[in-house]
Amino acid sequence: MSRYISERLGQALLVLWAAFTLSFVLLQMLPGDAILIKFQDPAMGLSPAQIADMRAAYGADQPLWQQYLHTLSNFLHGDLGYSIQAGVPVTELLSSNFPPTFRLAILGFLLATLMAVGIAFLANLVPLRGVKSALLTLPSLFVSVPTFWLGIALIQVFSFRLGLIPVINPGEWVGLILPVVTLAVPISAPLAQILLRSIDKVQTQPFVSVARAKGASRSRVLWRHVARNATLPVLTVAGLLFGELIAGALVTETVFGLNGIGQLTQQAVNNQDLAVLQAIVVISATAFVAINLLVDLLYPLLDPRLKPSAGATL
């Protein structure tokens, strides 16, 4: 088991290094210069020599390979650099903008999970064929709805037409209702689709027939015998969907004007603030890798058949 964990940790570190390197190269290829965008403004009255000094202070005059090694070393020591536009450490910007995004992502994922479980189990318990068909079509509908369009539609219906949920100066938790729903709907679709297929597959197993032969009701068989085995594939998909969850959170924050990583990313893109963008990419990749690593480690605990045997090579 220790070898299994070591291999997974090694793979996670390799993915993080690749994400850092690829993001660094792509960001350096972007047109424009954040230092020139800020300091070349005539209103600031800086001379070319002073601007050159600013480039040297930020290390922008060094060769790319030196910038890469310097940035990588700083990241390994927890130094994410300085924001050129804000003039403060990137960690300070992230510490104030990350909690709202994290709260939105967690609430959205919980609601998406509840929606997926509700759709999958109701579709197998409801006896009415018309209702069951409607439930089965919901995931296909949800997955085809763009996040930004859904957010605008919810604002139009529930805020402007019905007046149920305000979008101007709402309460802390009331203001999260529509963003959480906007984020959860597209995420719930693949979860529900995988869970529906997994339930259908598990129900064909012999132990399900034995449970029914003993007189167990359909709902009891579904909850006590099918559910645990059917949720294992969903666990993997849930880990993979975390990247989409982060992207959806950024779009949702932009649509609803929420403070968070989404707004910070938009400002950094507009100002070519590479240090901020690099930190956001690496932190997002770290969260994604951590979630999938946790899923890999949970699998052997949930299914004893997946526990690596002593001396086995995975």
C-alpha atoms as a PDB file:
ATOM      1  CA  MET A   1       0.000   0.000   0.000  1.00  0.00           C
ATOM      2  CA  SER A   2       2.862   2.372   0.750  1.00  0.00           C
ATOM      3  CA  ARG A   3       4.272   1.772  -2.729  1.00  0.00           C
ATOM      4  CA  TYR A   4       0.867   2.508  -4.221  1.00  0.00           C
ATOM      5  CA  ILE A   5       0.691   5.822  -2.356  1.00  0.00           C
ATOM      6  CA  SER A   6       4.266   6.726  -3.329  1.00  0.00           C
ATOM      7  CA  GLU A   7       3.562   6.097  -7.008  1.00  0.00           C
ATOM      8  CA  ARG A   8       0.416   8.206  -6.922  1.00  0.00           C
ATOM      9  CA  LEU A   9       2.246  11.047  -5.156  1.00  0.00           C
ATOM     10  CA  GLY A  10       5.033  10.877  -7.744  1.00  0.00           C
ATOM     11  CA  GLN A  11       2.502  11.078 -10.568  1.00  0.00           C
ATOM     12  CA  ALA A  12       0.800  14.026  -8.879  1.00  0.00           C
ATOM     13  CA  LEU A  13       4.065  15.938  -8.550  1.00  0.00           C
ATOM     14  CA  LEU A  14       4.889  15.244 -12.194  1.00  0.00           C
ATOM     15  CA  VAL A  15       1.522  16.608 -13.298  1.00  0.00           C
ATOM     16  CA  LEU A  16       2.008  19.736 -11.195  1.00  0.00           C
ATOM     17  CA  TRP A  17       5.448  20.334 -12.670  1.00  0.00           C
ATOM     18  CA  ALA A  18       4.035  19.897 -16.200  1.00  0.00           C
ATOM     19  CA  ALA A  19       1.179  22.312 -15.439  1.00  0.00           C
ATOM     20  CA  PHE A  20       3.622  24.902 -14.099  1.00  0.00           C
ATOM     21  CA  THR A  21       5.980  24.576 -17.061  1.00  0.00           C
ATOM     22  CA  LEU A  22       3.255  24.637 -19.707  1.00  0.00           C
ATOM     23  CA  SER A  23       1.500  27.618 -18.144  1.00  0.00           C
ATOM     24  CA  PHE A  24       4.798  29.511 -17.845  1.00  0.00           C
ATOM     25  CA  VAL A  25       5.613  28.968 -21.527  1.00  0.00           C
ATOM     26  CA  LEU A  26       2.116  29.875 -22.744  1.00  0.00           C
ATOM     27  CA  LEU A  27       1.909  32.996 -20.589  1.00  0.00           C
ATOM     28  CA  GLN A  28       5.290  34.194 -21.846  1.00  0.00           C
ATOM     29  CA  MET A  29       4.007  33.836 -25.416  1.00  0.00           C
ATOM     30  CA  LEU A  30       1.119  36.245 -24.801  1.00  0.00           C
ATOM     31  CA  PRO A  31       1.428  39.562 -26.648  1.00  0.00           C
ATOM     32  CA  GLY A  32       1.924  42.676 -24.575  1.00  0.00           C
ATOM     33  CA  ASP A  33       3.924  43.550 -21.489  1.00  0.00           C
ATOM     34  CA  ALA A  34       2.363  44.130 -18.082  1.00  0.00           C
ATOM     35  CA  ILE A  35       5.152  46.497 -17.039  1.00  0.00           C
ATOM     36  CA  LEU A  36       4.710  48.649 -20.129  1.00  0.00           C
ATOM     37  CA  ILE A  37       0.923  48.565 -19.737  1.00  0.00           C
ATOM     38  CA  LYS A  38       1.218  50.082 -16.265  1.00  0.00           C
ATOM     39  CA  PHE A  39       4.335  52.251 -16.312  1.00  0.00           C
ATOM     40  CA  GLN A  40       4.419  53.559 -19.890  1.00  0.00           C
ATOM     41  CA  ASP A  41       1.385  55.730 -19.230  1.00  0.00           C
ATOM     42  CA  PRO A  42       2.443  59.332 -20.006  1.00  0.00           C
ATOM     43  CA  ALA A  43       0.538  60.509 -16.939  1.00  0.00           C
ATOM     44  CA  MET A  44       3.082  58.718 -14.737  1.00  0.00           C
ATOM     45  CA  GLY A  45       5.944  60.698 -16.277  1.00  0.00           C
ATOM     46  CA  LEU A  46       8.508  57.876 -16.178  1.00  0.00           C
ATOM     47  CA  SER A  47      11.513  58.020 -18.464  1.00  0.00           C
ATOM     48  CA  PRO A  48      12.627  55.027 -20.574  1.00  0.00           C
ATOM     49  CA  ALA A  49      15.525  54.495 -18.179  1.00  0.00           C
ATOM     50  CA  GLN A  50      13.174  54.358 -15.207  1.00  0.00           C
ATOM     51  CA  ILE A  51      10.927  51.891 -17.024  1.00  0.00           C
ATOM     52  CA  ALA A  52      14.002  49.777 -17.775  1.00  0.00           C
ATOM     53  CA  ASP A  53      14.842  49.862 -14.069  1.00  0.00           C
ATOM     54  CA  MET A  54      11.317  48.638 -13.284  1.00  0.00           C
ATOM     55  CA  ARG A  55      11.756  45.752 -15.737  1.00  0.00           C
ATOM     56  CA  ALA A  56      15.021  44.859 -14.044  1.00  0.00           C
ATOM     57  CA  ALA A  57      13.388  45.033 -10.599  1.00  0.00           C
ATOM     58  CA  TYR A  58      10.719  42.547 -11.692  1.00  0.00           C
ATOM     59  CA  GLY A  59      13.280  40.341 -13.464  1.00  0.00           C
ATOM     60  CA  ALA A  60      11.629  40.840 -16.853  1.00  0.00           C
ATOM     61  CA  ASP A  61      14.979  41.651 -18.507  1.00  0.00           C
ATOM     62  CA  GLN A  62      16.438  38.226 -17.720  1.00  0.00           C
ATOM     63  CA  PRO A  63      16.513  35.345 -20.231  1.00  0.00           C
ATOM     64  CA  LEU A  64      13.431  33.150 -20.149  1.00  0.00           C
ATOM     65  CA  TRP A  65      15.275  30.148 -18.749  1.00  0.00           C
ATOM     66  CA  GLN A  66      16.493  32.230 -15.806  1.00  0.00           C
ATOM     67  CA  GLN A  67      12.975  33.585 -15.240  1.00  0.00           C
ATOM     68  CA  TYR A  68      11.635  30.016 -15.320  1.00  0.00           C
ATOM     69  CA  LEU A  69      14.115  28.700 -12.759  1.00  0.00           C
ATOM     70  CA  HIS A  70      13.664  31.754 -10.540  1.00  0.00           C
ATOM     71  CA  THR A  71       9.864  31.478 -10.644  1.00  0.00           C
ATOM     72  CA  LEU A  72       9.939  27.717 -10.039  1.00  0.00           C
ATOM     73  CA  SER A  73      12.256  28.154  -7.062  1.00  0.00           C
ATOM     74  CA  ASN A  74      10.014  30.842  -5.588  1.00  0.00           C
ATOM     75  CA  PHE A  75       6.907  28.659  -6.017  1.00  0.00           C
ATOM     76  CA  LEU A  76       8.608  25.774  -4.250  1.00  0.00           C
ATOM     77  CA  HIS A  77       9.326  28.114  -1.338  1.00  0.00           C
ATOM     78  CA  GLY A  78       5.748  29.461  -1.249  1.00  0.00           C
ATOM     79  CA  ASP A  79       6.566  32.793  -2.897  1.00  0.00           C
ATOM     80  CA  LEU A  80       4.063  33.370  -5.721  1.00  0.00           C
ATOM     81  CA  GLY A  81       5.551  36.686  -6.755  1.00  0.00           C
ATOM     82  CA  TYR A  82       4.138  40.208  -6.904  1.00  0.00           C
ATOM     83  CA  SER A  83       1.217  41.575  -8.844  1.00  0.00           C
ATOM     84  CA  ILE A  84       2.470  44.308 -11.150  1.00  0.00           C
ATOM     85  CA  GLN A  85      -0.910  46.028 -11.327  1.00  0.00           C
ATOM     86  CA  ALA A  86      -1.842  45.814  -7.640  1.00  0.00           C
ATOM     87  CA  GLY A  87       1.707  46.195  -6.324  1.00  0.00           C
ATOM     88  CA  VAL A  88       1.107  43.606  -3.582  1.00  0.00           C
ATOM     89  CA  PRO A  89       2.147  39.958  -3.151  1.00  0.00           C
ATOM     90  CA  VAL A  90       0.042  37.524  -5.163  1.00  0.00           C
ATOM     91  CA  THR A  91      -0.603  35.514  -2.001  1.00  0.00           C
ATOM     92  CA  GLU A  92      -2.387  38.535  -0.547  1.00  0.00           C
ATOM     93  CA  LEU A  93      -4.693  38.771  -3.557  1.00  0.00           C
ATOM     94  CA  LEU A  94      -5.412  35.051  -3.483  1.00  0.00           C
ATOM     95  CA  SER A  95      -6.090  34.975   0.250  1.00  0.00           C
ATOM     96  CA  SER A  96      -8.837  37.581  -0.161  1.00  0.00           C
ATOM     97  CA  ASN A  97     -10.363  36.179  -3.377  1.00  0.00           C
ATOM     98  CA  PHE A  98     -10.045  32.420  -2.936  1.00  0.00           C
ATOM     99  CA  PRO A  99     -12.501  31.838  -0.036  1.00  0.00           C
ATOM    100  CA  PRO A 100     -15.597  33.115  -1.953  1.00  0.00           C
ATOM    101  CA  THR A 101     -14.708  30.944  -4.952  1.00  0.00           C
ATOM    102  CA  PHE A 102     -14.074  27.920  -2.727  1.00  0.00           C
ATOM    103  CA  ARG A 103     -17.432  28.374  -1.010  1.00  0.00           C
ATOM    104  CA  LEU A 104     -19.224  28.695  -4.349  1.00  0.00           C
ATOM    105  CA  ALA A 105     -17.479  25.611  -5.749  1.00  0.00           C
ATOM    106  CA  ILE A 106     -18.220  23.449  -2.707  1.00  0.00           C
ATOM    107  CA  LEU A 107     -21.887  24.440  -2.564  1.00  0.00           C
ATOM    108  CA  GLY A 108     -22.234  23.952  -6.312  1.00  0.00           C
ATOM    109  CA  PHE A 109     -20.690  20.503  -6.164  1.00  0.00           C
ATOM    110  CA  LEU A 110     -22.893  19.431  -3.248  1.00  0.00           C
ATOM    111  CA  LEU A 111     -26.024  20.598  -5.057  1.00  0.00           C
ATOM    112  CA  ALA A 112     -24.864  18.905  -8.283  1.00  0.00           C
ATOM    113  CA  THR A 113     -24.365  15.639  -6.375  1.00  0.00           C
ATOM    114  CA  LEU A 114     -27.828  15.853  -4.811  1.00  0.00           C
ATOM    115  CA  MET A 115     -29.380  16.574  -8.205  1.00  0.00           C
ATOM    116  CA  ALA A 116     -27.554  13.675  -9.848  1.00  0.00           C
ATOM    117  CA  VAL A 117     -28.501  11.212  -7.101  1.00  0.00           C
ATOM    118  CA  GLY A 118     -32.101  12.436  -7.122  1.00  0.00           C
ATOM    119  CA  ILE A 119     -32.447  12.054 -10.891  1.00  0.00           C
ATOM    120  CA  ALA A 120     -30.802   8.624 -10.995  1.00  0.00           C
ATOM    121  CA  PHE A 121     -32.706   7.052  -8.120  1.00  0.00           C
ATOM    122  CA  LEU A 122     -36.072   8.608  -8.919  1.00  0.00           C
ATOM    123  CA  ALA A 123     -35.760   7.355 -12.486  1.00  0.00           C
ATOM    124  CA  ASN A 124     -35.377   3.822 -11.083  1.00  0.00           C
ATOM    125  CA  LEU A 125     -38.109   4.104  -8.444  1.00  0.00           C
ATOM    126  CA  VAL A 126     -40.891   6.064 -10.150  1.00  0.00           C
ATOM    127  CA  PRO A 127     -43.330   3.585 -11.765  1.00  0.00           C
ATOM    128  CA  LEU A 128     -44.792   6.103 -14.257  1.00  0.00           C
ATOM    129  CA  ARG A 129     -43.109   5.686 -17.621  1.00  0.00           C
ATOM    130  CA  GLY A 130     -43.687   9.296 -18.681  1.00  0.00           C
ATOM    131  CA  VAL A 131     -42.068  10.679 -15.538  1.00  0.00           C
ATOM    132  CA  LYS A 132     -39.178   8.254 -15.872  1.00  0.00           C
ATOM    133  CA  SER A 133     -38.584   9.295 -19.490  1.00  0.00           C
ATOM    134  CA  ALA A 134     -38.580  12.946 -18.460  1.00  0.00           C
ATOM    135  CA  LEU A 135     -36.039  12.275 -15.723  1.00  0.00           C
ATOM    136  CA  LEU A 136     -33.804  10.359 -18.126  1.00  0.00           C
ATOM    137  CA  THR A 137     -33.738  13.292 -20.567  1.00  0.00           C
ATOM    138  CA  LEU A 138     -32.743  15.846 -17.922  1.00  0.00           C
ATOM    139  CA  PRO A 139     -28.984  15.054 -17.939  1.00  0.00           C
ATOM    140  CA  SER A 140     -28.813  15.532 -21.728  1.00  0.00           C
ATOM    141  CA  LEU A 141     -30.617  18.844 -21.356  1.00  0.00           C
ATOM    142  CA  PHE A 142     -28.451  20.031 -18.485  1.00  0.00           C
ATOM    143  CA  VAL A 143     -25.153  19.209 -20.193  1.00  0.00           C
ATOM    144  CA  SER A 144     -26.104  21.217 -23.281  1.00  0.00           C
ATOM    145  CA  VAL A 145     -26.864  24.438 -21.395  1.00  0.00           C
ATOM    146  CA  PRO A 146     -23.969  26.973 -21.408  1.00  0.00           C
ATOM    147  CA  THR A 147     -23.122  28.241 -17.941  1.00  0.00           C
ATOM    148  CA  PHE A 148     -23.219  31.933 -18.850  1.00  0.00           C
ATOM    149  CA  TRP A 149     -26.604  31.559 -20.609  1.00  0.00           C
ATOM    150  CA  LEU A 150     -28.107  29.694 -17.664  1.00  0.00           C
ATOM    151  CA  GLY A 151     -26.944  32.385 -15.249  1.00  0.00           C
ATOM    152  CA  ILE A 152     -28.459  35.160 -17.347  1.00  0.00           C
ATOM    153  CA  ALA A 153     -31.703  33.203 -17.733  1.00  0.00           C
ATOM    154  CA  LEU A 154     -32.003  32.617 -13.983  1.00  0.00           C
ATOM    155  CA  ILE A 155     -31.437  36.312 -13.296  1.00  0.00           C
ATOM    156  CA  GLN A 156     -34.073  37.263 -15.874  1.00  0.00           C
ATOM    157  CA  VAL A 157     -36.685  34.853 -14.507  1.00  0.00           C
ATOM    158  CA  PHE A 158     -36.195  34.789 -10.746  1.00  0.00           C
ATOM    159  CA  SER A 159     -34.898  38.317 -10.204  1.00  0.00           C
ATOM    160  CA  PHE A 160     -36.432  40.577 -12.838  1.00  0.00           C
ATOM    161  CA  ARG A 161     -39.719  38.828 -13.652  1.00  0.00           C
ATOM    162  CA  LEU A 162     -40.678  37.062 -10.426  1.00  0.00           C
ATOM    163  CA  GLY A 163     -38.722  39.267  -8.018  1.00  0.00           C
ATOM    164  CA  LEU A 164     -37.969  36.315  -5.746  1.00  0.00           C
ATOM    165  CA  ILE A 165     -34.193  36.603  -5.487  1.00  0.00           C
ATOM    166  CA  PRO A 166     -32.553  40.038  -5.692  1.00  0.00           C
ATOM    167  CA  VAL A 167     -29.292  40.443  -7.558  1.00  0.00           C
ATOM    168  CA  ILE A 168     -28.662  44.018  -6.396  1.00  0.00           C
ATOM    169  CA  ASN A 169     -27.314  44.162  -2.843  1.00  0.00           C
ATOM    170  CA  PRO A 170     -28.536  40.681  -1.850  1.00  0.00           C
ATOM    171  CA  GLY A 171     -27.695  39.071   1.469  1.00  0.00           C
ATOM    172  CA  GLU A 172     -24.553  37.004   1.790  1.00  0.00           C
ATOM    173  CA  TRP A 173     -26.346  33.675   1.426  1.00  0.00           C
ATOM    174  CA  VAL A 174     -29.293  34.827  -0.680  1.00  0.00           C
ATOM    175  CA  GLY A 175     -26.844  36.113  -3.251  1.00  0.00           C
ATOM    176  CA  LEU A 176     -25.387  32.620  -3.597  1.00  0.00           C
ATOM    177  CA  ILE A 177     -28.638  30.858  -4.533  1.00  0.00           C
ATOM    178  CA  LEU A 178     -28.647  31.610  -8.255  1.00  0.00           C
ATOM    179  CA  PRO A 179     -24.852  31.266  -8.706  1.00  0.00           C
ATOM    180  CA  VAL A 180     -24.854  27.882  -6.968  1.00  0.00           C
ATOM    181  CA  VAL A 181     -27.730  26.634  -9.147  1.00  0.00           C
ATOM    182  CA  THR A 182     -25.972  27.966 -12.250  1.00  0.00           C
ATOM    183  CA  LEU A 183     -22.815  26.105 -11.341  1.00  0.00           C
ATOM    184  CA  ALA A 184     -24.533  22.884 -10.242  1.00  0.00           C
ATOM    185  CA  VAL A 185     -26.804  22.224 -13.237  1.00  0.00           C
ATOM    186  CA  PRO A 186     -24.137  21.462 -15.886  1.00  0.00           C
ATOM    187  CA  ILE A 187     -21.973  19.581 -13.372  1.00  0.00           C
ATOM    188  CA  SER A 188     -24.864  17.342 -12.330  1.00  0.00           C
ATOM    189  CA  ALA A 189     -25.471  16.109 -15.897  1.00  0.00           C
ATOM    190  CA  PRO A 190     -22.428  13.821 -16.356  1.00  0.00           C
ATOM    191  CA  LEU A 191     -22.725  12.613 -12.758  1.00  0.00           C
ATOM    192  CA  ALA A 192     -26.345  11.610 -13.344  1.00  0.00           C
ATOM    193  CA  GLN A 193     -25.548   9.954 -16.693  1.00  0.00           C
ATOM    194  CA  ILE A 194     -22.743   7.830 -15.240  1.00  0.00           C
ATOM    195  CA  LEU A 195     -24.823   6.941 -12.183  1.00  0.00           C
ATOM    196  CA  LEU A 196     -27.787   5.870 -14.318  1.00  0.00           C
ATOM    197  CA  ARG A 197     -25.620   3.599 -16.445  1.00  0.00           C
ATOM    198  CA  SER A 198     -23.841   2.225 -13.416  1.00  0.00           C
ATOM    199  CA  ILE A 199     -27.120   1.411 -11.671  1.00  0.00           C
ATOM    200  CA  ASP A 200     -28.392  -0.405 -14.767  1.00  0.00           C
ATOM    201  CA  LYS A 201     -25.178  -2.432 -14.909  1.00  0.00           C
ATOM    202  CA  VAL A 202     -25.140  -3.345 -11.213  1.00  0.00           C
ATOM    203  CA  GLN A 203     -28.795  -4.403 -11.289  1.00  0.00           C
ATOM    204  CA  THR A 204     -27.880  -7.225 -13.677  1.00  0.00           C
ATOM    205  CA  GLN A 205     -25.463  -8.751 -11.151  1.00  0.00           C
ATOM    206  CA  PRO A 206     -26.409 -12.072  -9.499  1.00  0.00           C
ATOM    207  CA  PHE A 207     -26.404 -10.709  -5.940  1.00  0.00           C
ATOM    208  CA  VAL A 208     -29.204  -8.318  -6.881  1.00  0.00           C
ATOM    209  CA  SER A 209     -31.346 -11.213  -8.097  1.00  0.00           C
ATOM    210  CA  VAL A 210     -30.639 -13.071  -4.862  1.00  0.00           C
ATOM    211  CA  ALA A 211     -31.703 -10.066  -2.784  1.00  0.00           C
ATOM    212  CA  ARG A 212     -34.939  -9.759  -4.728  1.00  0.00           C
ATOM    213  CA  ALA A 213     -35.588 -13.503  -4.411  1.00  0.00           C
ATOM    214  CA  LYS A 214     -35.384 -13.101  -0.641  1.00  0.00           C
ATOM    215  CA  GLY A 215     -38.311 -10.691  -0.789  1.00  0.00           C
ATOM    216  CA  ALA A 216     -36.499  -7.341  -0.530  1.00  0.00           C
ATOM    217  CA  SER A 217     -38.408  -4.446  -2.002  1.00  0.00           C
ATOM    218  CA  ARG A 218     -37.149  -2.590  -5.075  1.00  0.00           C
ATOM    219  CA  SER A 219     -36.231   0.500  -3.069  1.00  0.00           C
ATOM    220  CA  ARG A 220     -34.406  -1.556  -0.409  1.00  0.00           C
ATOM    221  CA  VAL A 221     -32.391  -3.405  -3.040  1.00  0.00           C
ATOM    222  CA  LEU A 222     -31.561  -0.132  -4.748  1.00  0.00           C
ATOM    223  CA  TRP A 223     -30.366   1.652  -1.600  1.00  0.00           C
ATOM    224  CA  ARG A 224     -28.720  -1.219   0.312  1.00  0.00           C
ATOM    225  CA  HIS A 225     -27.253  -3.385  -2.459  1.00  0.00           C
ATOM    226  CA  VAL A 226     -26.956  -1.380  -5.663  1.00  0.00           C
ATOM    227  CA  ALA A 227     -26.043   2.103  -4.430  1.00  0.00           C
ATOM    228  CA  ARG A 228     -22.582   1.383  -3.018  1.00  0.00           C
ATOM    229  CA  ASN A 229     -21.394  -0.538  -6.059  1.00  0.00           C
ATOM    230  CA  ALA A 230     -22.935   1.927  -8.508  1.00  0.00           C
ATOM    231  CA  THR A 231     -21.272   4.968  -6.975  1.00  0.00           C
ATOM    232  CA  LEU A 232     -17.690   3.786  -7.539  1.00  0.00           C
ATOM    233  CA  PRO A 233     -17.492   4.897 -11.215  1.00  0.00           C
ATOM    234  CA  VAL A 234     -19.152   8.181 -10.250  1.00  0.00           C
ATOM    235  CA  LEU A 235     -16.342   8.841  -7.793  1.00  0.00           C
ATOM    236  CA  THR A 236     -13.805   8.867 -10.621  1.00  0.00           C
ATOM    237  CA  VAL A 237     -15.954  11.148 -12.776  1.00  0.00           C
ATOM    238  CA  ALA A 238     -16.464  13.495  -9.827  1.00  0.00           C
ATOM    239  CA  GLY A 239     -12.709  13.914  -9.502  1.00  0.00           C
ATOM    240  CA  LEU A 240     -12.323  14.616 -13.215  1.00  0.00           C
ATOM    241  CA  LEU A 241     -15.164  17.132 -13.143  1.00  0.00           C
ATOM    242  CA  PHE A 242     -13.351  19.274 -10.596  1.00  0.00           C
ATOM    243  CA  GLY A 243     -11.513  21.078 -13.381  1.00  0.00           C
ATOM    244  CA  GLU A 244     -14.829  21.895 -15.031  1.00  0.00           C
ATOM    245  CA  LEU A 245     -16.135  22.982 -11.636  1.00  0.00           C
ATOM    246  CA  ILE A 246     -13.335  25.543 -11.316  1.00  0.00           C
ATOM    247  CA  ALA A 247     -13.917  26.863 -14.830  1.00  0.00           C
ATOM    248  CA  GLY A 248     -17.655  27.066 -14.194  1.00  0.00           C
ATOM    249  CA  ALA A 249     -17.061  28.970 -10.967  1.00  0.00           C
ATOM    250  CA  LEU A 250     -14.976  31.566 -12.807  1.00  0.00           C
ATOM    251  CA  VAL A 251     -17.674  32.091 -15.447  1.00  0.00           C
ATOM    252  CA  THR A 252     -20.426  32.183 -12.816  1.00  0.00           C
ATOM    253  CA  GLU A 253     -18.618  34.832 -10.770  1.00  0.00           C
ATOM    254  CA  THR A 254     -18.250  36.972 -13.881  1.00  0.00           C
ATOM    255  CA  VAL A 255     -21.953  36.680 -14.782  1.00  0.00           C
ATOM    256  CA  PHE A 256     -23.159  37.543 -11.277  1.00  0.00           C
ATOM    257  CA  GLY A 257     -20.450  40.097 -10.510  1.00  0.00           C
ATOM    258  CA  LEU A 258     -19.144  38.173  -7.508  1.00  0.00           C
ATOM    259  CA  ASN A 259     -15.780  38.804  -5.912  1.00  0.00           C
ATOM    260  CA  GLY A 260     -13.496  35.825  -6.243  1.00  0.00           C
ATOM    261  CA  ILE A 261     -10.889  34.142  -8.392  1.00  0.00           C
ATOM    262  CA  GLY A 262     -13.027  34.738 -11.487  1.00  0.00           C
ATOM    263  CA  GLN A 263     -12.928  38.495 -11.161  1.00  0.00           C
ATOM    264  CA  LEU A 264      -9.249  38.372 -10.244  1.00  0.00           C
ATOM    265  CA  THR A 265      -8.522  36.275 -13.345  1.00  0.00           C
ATOM    266  CA  GLN A 266     -10.407  38.685 -15.585  1.00  0.00           C
ATOM    267  CA  GLN A 267      -8.458  41.648 -14.231  1.00  0.00           C
ATOM    268  CA  ALA A 268      -5.156  39.795 -14.578  1.00  0.00           C
ATOM    269  CA  VAL A 269      -5.908  38.899 -18.206  1.00  0.00           C
ATOM    270  CA  ASN A 270      -6.845  42.479 -19.050  1.00  0.00           C
ATOM    271  CA  ASN A 271      -3.652  43.800 -17.450  1.00  0.00           C
ATOM    272  CA  GLN A 272      -1.325  40.979 -18.584  1.00  0.00           C
ATOM    273  CA  ASP A 273      -0.472  40.346 -14.917  1.00  0.00           C
ATOM    274  CA  LEU A 274       1.474  37.144 -15.515  1.00  0.00           C
ATOM    275  CA  ALA A 275       2.387  36.490 -11.881  1.00  0.00           C
ATOM    276  CA  VAL A 276      -1.274  36.399 -10.885  1.00  0.00           C
ATOM    277  CA  LEU A 277      -2.264  34.229 -13.845  1.00  0.00           C
ATOM    278  CA  GLN A 278       0.590  31.804 -13.171  1.00  0.00           C
ATOM    279  CA  ALA A 279      -0.422  31.463  -9.532  1.00  0.00           C
ATOM    280  CA  ILE A 280      -4.092  30.895 -10.419  1.00  0.00           C
ATOM    281  CA  VAL A 281      -3.201  28.174 -12.930  1.00  0.00           C
ATOM    282  CA  VAL A 282      -0.874  26.384 -10.524  1.00  0.00           C
ATOM    283  CA  ILE A 283      -3.299  26.563  -7.596  1.00  0.00           C
ATOM    284  CA  SER A 284      -6.155  25.306  -9.789  1.00  0.00           C
ATOM    285  CA  ALA A 285      -3.967  22.450 -11.015  1.00  0.00           C
ATOM    286  CA  THR A 286      -2.966  21.664  -7.431  1.00  0.00           C
ATOM    287  CA  ALA A 287      -6.597  21.485  -6.338  1.00  0.00           C
ATOM    288  CA  PHE A 288      -7.468  19.287  -9.328  1.00  0.00           C
ATOM    289  CA  VAL A 289      -4.551  16.923  -8.684  1.00  0.00           C
ATOM    290  CA  ALA A 290      -5.305  16.775  -4.950  1.00  0.00           C
ATOM    291  CA  ILE A 291      -8.939  15.822  -5.559  1.00  0.00           C
ATOM    292  CA  ASN A 292      -8.019  13.085  -8.023  1.00  0.00           C
ATOM    293  CA  LEU A 293      -5.271  11.813  -5.719  1.00  0.00           C
ATOM    294  CA  LEU A 294      -7.824  11.588  -2.922  1.00  0.00           C
ATOM    295  CA  VAL A 295     -10.152   9.655  -5.230  1.00  0.00           C
ATOM    296  CA  ASP A 296      -7.359   7.212  -6.097  1.00  0.00           C
ATOM    297  CA  LEU A 297      -6.630   6.645  -2.413  1.00  0.00           C
ATOM    298  CA  LEU A 298     -10.309   6.201  -1.531  1.00  0.00           C
ATOM    299  CA  TYR A 299     -10.960   3.533  -4.162  1.00  0.00           C
ATOM    300  CA  PRO A 300      -9.163   0.701  -2.321  1.00  0.00           C
ATOM    301  CA  LEU A 301     -10.991   1.662   0.875  1.00  0.00           C
ATOM    302  CA  LEU A 302     -14.427   1.570  -0.767  1.00  0.00           C
ATOM    303  CA  ASP A 303     -13.797  -1.603  -2.753  1.00  0.00           C
ATOM    304  CA  PRO A 304     -11.501  -4.178  -1.080  1.00  0.00           C
ATOM    305  CA  ARG A 305     -10.978  -5.889  -4.438  1.00  0.00           C
ATOM    306  CA  LEU A 306      -8.945  -2.864  -5.572  1.00  0.00           C
ATOM    307  CA  LYS A 307      -6.488  -3.009  -2.673  1.00  0.00           C
ATOM    308  CA  PRO A 308      -3.002  -3.618  -4.043  1.00  0.00           C
ATOM    309  CA  SER A 309      -1.599  -6.918  -2.887  1.00  0.00           C
ATOM    310  CA  ALA A 310       1.814  -7.191  -1.287  1.00  0.00           C
ATOM    311  CA  GLY A 311       4.517  -7.074  -3.945  1.00  0.00           C
ATOM    312  CA  ALA A 312       2.065  -6.234  -6.706  1.00  0.00           C
ATOM    313  CA  THR A 313       3.152  -3.728  -9.324  1.00  0.00           C
ATOM    314  CA  LEU A 314       0.559  -1.109 -10.245  1.00  0.00           C
END
